[in-house]
Protein backbone atom coordinates (compact mmCIF):
# COMPACT_ATOMS: atom_id res chain seq x y z
CA MET A 1 -2.91 55.35 13.74
CA VAL A 2 -3.71 55.53 17.46
CA ASP A 3 -5.00 52.26 18.88
CA GLU A 4 -6.22 53.60 22.22
CA TYR A 5 -6.70 56.84 24.12
CA LEU A 6 -6.31 56.46 27.87
CA LEU A 7 -7.61 59.99 28.47
CA GLU A 8 -9.99 62.14 26.42
CA VAL A 9 -10.83 65.67 27.56
CA GLU A 10 -13.54 67.56 25.68
CA ASN A 11 -14.42 71.25 26.11
CA LEU A 12 -13.40 71.20 29.78
CA SER A 13 -13.83 74.30 31.93
CA VAL A 14 -12.73 74.49 35.57
CA TRP A 15 -13.54 77.26 38.04
CA ARG A 16 -11.83 78.13 41.31
CA GLY A 17 -14.27 80.23 43.29
CA ASP A 18 -15.47 82.98 40.95
CA ARG A 19 -12.55 82.62 38.51
CA CYS A 20 -12.36 80.39 35.44
CA VAL A 21 -8.87 78.83 35.53
CA VAL A 22 -9.28 76.39 32.60
CA GLU A 23 -11.54 77.28 29.69
CA ASN A 24 -12.92 75.06 26.94
CA LEU A 25 -9.91 72.72 26.83
CA SER A 26 -9.73 69.59 24.68
CA PHE A 27 -6.95 67.03 24.19
CA CYS A 28 -6.36 63.27 24.01
CA LEU A 29 -3.63 61.16 25.58
CA PRO A 30 -2.73 57.98 23.62
CA ALA A 31 -1.55 54.87 25.43
CA GLY A 32 2.21 54.73 25.92
CA MET A 33 2.76 58.46 25.53
CA ASN A 34 4.67 60.77 27.88
CA MET A 35 2.85 64.12 27.67
CA ALA A 36 3.95 67.27 29.47
CA ILE A 37 1.74 70.20 30.50
CA ILE A 38 3.67 73.47 30.58
CA GLY A 39 2.71 77.09 31.22
CA PRO A 40 3.35 80.01 33.55
CA ASN A 41 2.44 80.02 37.23
CA GLY A 42 -1.31 80.32 37.67
CA ALA A 43 -2.01 78.92 34.21
CA GLY A 44 -4.37 76.23 35.55
CA LYS A 45 -2.04 73.23 35.18
CA SER A 46 -2.65 71.70 38.62
CA SER A 47 -6.36 72.51 38.45
CA LEU A 48 -6.56 70.68 35.12
CA ILE A 49 -5.06 67.42 36.34
CA GLN A 50 -7.02 67.53 39.62
CA ALA A 51 -10.25 67.97 37.66
CA VAL A 52 -9.31 65.14 35.29
CA LEU A 53 -8.73 62.84 38.29
CA GLY A 54 -11.95 63.85 40.05
CA ILE A 55 -10.15 65.55 42.96
CA ILE A 56 -11.96 68.83 42.27
CA PRO A 57 -15.17 69.40 40.27
CA TYR A 58 -15.18 70.76 36.77
CA HIS A 59 -17.74 73.29 35.58
CA SER A 60 -18.50 71.87 32.14
CA GLY A 61 -17.18 69.49 29.50
CA ARG A 62 -16.43 65.80 29.57
CA VAL A 63 -13.56 63.62 30.80
CA THR A 64 -13.20 60.00 29.68
CA LEU A 65 -10.53 58.06 31.57
CA LEU A 66 -9.65 54.49 30.59
CA GLY A 67 -12.87 54.40 28.61
CA TYR A 68 -15.11 55.52 31.49
CA GLY A 69 -16.84 58.87 31.88
CA MET A 70 -15.59 60.56 35.05
CA SER A 71 -17.37 62.62 37.67
CA TYR A 72 -15.82 64.27 40.70
CA ARG A 73 -18.55 62.73 42.86
CA ARG A 74 -17.71 59.12 42.14
CA ALA A 75 -14.78 57.47 40.37
CA LEU A 76 -14.98 53.84 39.39
CA PRO A 77 -12.80 51.53 41.53
CA TYR A 78 -11.25 50.04 38.39
CA VAL A 79 -10.06 53.47 37.28
CA ARG A 80 -8.63 54.28 40.70
CA GLN A 81 -6.63 51.04 40.67
CA GLN A 82 -5.20 51.73 37.21
CA VAL A 83 -4.15 55.35 37.79
CA ALA A 84 -1.52 56.73 40.17
CA TYR A 85 -1.10 60.39 41.10
CA LEU A 86 2.11 61.95 42.43
CA PRO A 87 1.38 65.41 43.85
CA GLN A 88 3.78 68.32 43.85
CA ASN A 89 4.28 68.35 47.59
CA PHE A 90 4.04 65.21 49.69
CA GLU A 91 4.82 65.17 53.39
CA CYS A 92 4.09 62.56 56.03
CA ASP A 93 2.89 63.81 59.39
CA ARG A 94 5.46 62.74 61.98
CA ARG A 95 2.58 61.92 64.33
CA ILE A 96 1.51 59.10 61.97
CA PRO A 97 3.89 56.16 62.52
CA ILE A 98 3.69 54.63 59.05
CA THR A 99 6.72 52.76 57.73
CA VAL A 100 7.98 52.80 54.16
CA ALA A 101 6.74 49.23 53.58
CA GLU A 102 3.31 50.06 55.03
CA PHE A 103 3.05 53.15 52.82
CA VAL A 104 4.00 51.24 49.68
CA GLY A 105 1.44 48.60 50.65
CA LEU A 106 -1.32 51.21 50.50
CA GLY A 107 -0.81 51.22 46.74
CA TRP A 108 -2.02 47.62 46.58
CA GLY A 109 -5.62 48.77 46.93
CA CYS A 110 -8.44 46.72 48.45
CA TRP A 111 -8.33 43.41 46.62
CA THR A 112 -7.61 41.28 49.71
CA TRP A 113 -11.20 40.63 50.80
CA GLN A 114 -11.86 37.76 48.39
CA TRP A 115 -9.10 35.29 49.31
CA PRO A 116 -7.39 36.83 52.35
CA TRP A 117 -4.44 34.45 52.79
CA GLN A 118 -3.58 34.15 49.11
CA HIS A 119 -3.80 37.89 48.53
CA ARG A 120 -1.91 38.71 51.72
CA ALA A 121 1.07 36.66 50.55
CA GLU A 122 0.83 38.15 47.06
CA ARG A 123 0.69 41.64 48.56
CA HIS A 124 3.80 41.04 50.68
CA ARG A 125 5.70 39.79 47.63
CA ALA A 126 4.63 42.81 45.59
CA ILE A 127 5.73 45.22 48.34
CA ALA A 128 9.11 43.54 48.70
CA GLN A 129 9.67 43.54 44.93
CA SER A 130 8.73 47.21 44.62
CA LEU A 131 11.08 48.19 47.44
CA ARG A 132 13.94 46.26 45.83
CA ARG A 133 13.38 47.80 42.40
CA LEU A 134 13.43 51.30 43.87
CA HIS A 135 16.45 50.50 46.10
CA LEU A 136 14.44 51.05 49.27
CA ASP A 137 14.46 47.56 50.79
CA HIS A 138 16.97 48.65 53.47
CA LEU A 139 14.50 51.37 54.54
CA ALA A 140 11.41 49.14 54.66
CA HIS A 141 10.91 49.55 58.43
CA GLN A 142 11.91 53.20 58.65
CA PRO A 143 9.14 55.79 59.20
CA MET A 144 8.16 57.70 56.07
CA SER A 145 8.69 60.97 57.94
CA ALA A 146 12.42 60.16 58.32
CA LEU A 147 13.12 59.90 54.58
CA SER A 148 15.03 62.44 52.54
CA GLY A 149 13.34 64.19 49.64
CA GLY A 150 14.82 61.81 47.08
CA GLU A 151 13.92 58.75 49.15
CA THR A 152 10.34 60.01 49.52
CA LYS A 153 9.98 60.40 45.74
CA ARG A 154 11.29 56.86 45.26
CA ALA A 155 8.79 55.60 47.84
CA LEU A 156 6.03 57.27 45.81
CA LEU A 157 7.23 55.44 42.70
CA ALA A 158 7.29 52.18 44.68
CA TYR A 159 3.70 52.91 45.73
CA CYS A 160 2.80 53.26 42.03
CA LEU A 161 4.66 50.06 41.15
CA VAL A 162 3.20 47.72 43.79
CA GLN A 163 0.35 46.79 41.46
CA PRO A 164 0.00 47.21 37.68
CA ARG A 165 -0.88 50.74 36.58
CA ARG A 166 -1.71 52.11 33.17
CA LEU A 167 -1.43 55.85 33.80
CA LEU A 168 0.81 57.98 36.03
CA VAL A 169 -0.11 61.62 36.62
CA LEU A 170 2.69 63.77 38.03
CA ASP A 171 2.33 67.34 39.25
CA GLU A 172 5.88 68.73 39.41
CA ALA A 173 6.88 65.44 41.03
CA SER A 174 10.56 66.41 41.31
CA ALA A 175 9.81 69.63 43.23
CA GLY A 176 12.13 70.14 46.18
CA LEU A 177 14.89 67.86 44.90
CA ASP A 178 18.45 68.96 44.23
CA HIS A 179 19.87 68.46 40.74
CA HIS A 180 21.39 65.04 41.49
CA ALA A 181 18.26 63.65 43.18
CA GLU A 182 16.08 65.02 40.38
CA HIS A 183 18.29 63.35 37.78
CA GLN A 184 18.03 60.02 39.65
CA PHE A 185 14.26 60.37 39.94
CA TYR A 186 13.72 60.91 36.22
CA ASP A 187 16.16 58.14 35.29
CA LEU A 188 14.13 55.74 37.45
CA LEU A 189 10.88 57.03 36.01
CA GLY A 190 12.13 56.47 32.47
CA GLU A 191 13.28 52.93 33.28
CA LEU A 192 9.97 52.03 34.92
CA LYS A 193 7.95 53.54 32.07
CA ALA A 194 9.83 51.36 29.59
CA GLU A 195 9.53 48.22 31.73
CA GLU A 196 5.91 48.67 32.85
CA GLY A 197 4.46 50.30 29.74
CA TRP A 198 3.22 53.29 31.71
CA THR A 199 1.50 56.24 30.06
CA ILE A 200 2.53 59.51 31.72
CA LEU A 201 0.84 62.90 32.03
CA GLN A 202 3.07 65.36 33.85
CA VAL A 203 3.14 69.02 34.80
CA SER A 204 6.68 70.33 34.44
CA HIS A 205 8.71 73.54 34.43
CA HIS A 206 11.90 71.81 33.28
CA LEU A 207 11.86 72.63 29.59
CA GLU A 208 15.09 70.85 28.65
CA ARG A 209 13.92 67.63 30.30
CA VAL A 210 10.52 67.95 28.60
CA LYS A 211 12.26 68.37 25.25
CA ALA A 212 14.50 65.35 25.86
CA THR A 213 11.97 62.89 27.32
CA CYS A 214 8.39 63.79 26.35
CA ASP A 215 6.50 62.81 23.20
CA HIS A 216 3.89 65.57 23.22
CA VAL A 217 3.41 68.93 24.97
CA LEU A 218 0.31 70.86 25.97
CA TYR A 219 0.99 74.58 26.53
CA LEU A 220 -1.71 75.88 28.87
CA ASN A 221 -2.46 79.41 30.01
CA GLY A 222 -6.10 79.30 30.99
CA SER A 223 -6.83 77.77 27.60
CA VAL A 224 -4.77 75.81 25.09
CA GLN A 225 -1.98 77.95 23.65
CA GLY A 226 -0.14 75.13 21.92
CA LEU A 227 -0.40 71.38 21.47
CA GLY A 228 2.02 69.17 19.57
CA PRO A 229 5.62 67.93 19.41
CA PRO A 230 7.98 69.27 22.12
CA GLU A 231 10.25 71.33 19.87
CA GLN A 232 7.35 73.15 18.23
CA VAL A 233 5.36 73.90 21.40
CA LEU A 234 8.39 74.79 23.53
CA GLN A 235 9.40 77.31 20.88
CA GLN A 236 5.95 78.89 21.16
CA PHE A 237 6.20 79.01 24.95
CA VAL A 238 9.73 80.43 25.08
CA ALA A 239 8.71 83.19 22.67
CA THR A 240 6.21 84.45 25.28
CA LEU A 241 8.75 84.65 28.12
CA PRO A 242 10.11 88.07 29.15
CA HIS A 243 13.64 88.74 27.87
């Protein structure tokens, strides 16, 4: 029996311009689950998660996130603090002189107005702890733009870790990494999920990793083509691939 759904999507349709990219989609994400969204290029995977997070509007349907109905016009501050999003491509403009520690600190949110000195000290401790756990403390004062791809992905995880989160949404978060860096990234993600109790919703093209690490799979190609355990849904997906 499921105790709690962190995300409920009902009859969701998303349009990009004059094209419907996601049609009448429904699924639920239980707390503690690692769910993958798979499908061919152009299947609507990124549009789905951006609509769920309120980054782009959706045409019809309903999204309930952490128990709150969502709208692209206004997301509740509580929800924003509890959810972290790692986009597919993340680059820091070299003209913006933000250090790794300053970037991670942005993940703390805006809680410091109530008791400035107490929260400032707490924030500094949280940043330092996050950097240590992601093995980035020696890079704390380096500019974000100077990091390698693997270091940047770890900084994004540190950003997620600096305050408690309930849900991580990843859109091909390992894109651009070589095999070794990708392996390190997913090892760290698995460790942090176990330690922090994160629920994960991720878009992925890495079928073997999905099979090995995910609890549930949504196969999307404009609409739901499959939904269930990894082995079952991956078999459906692979059967559609050209031979």
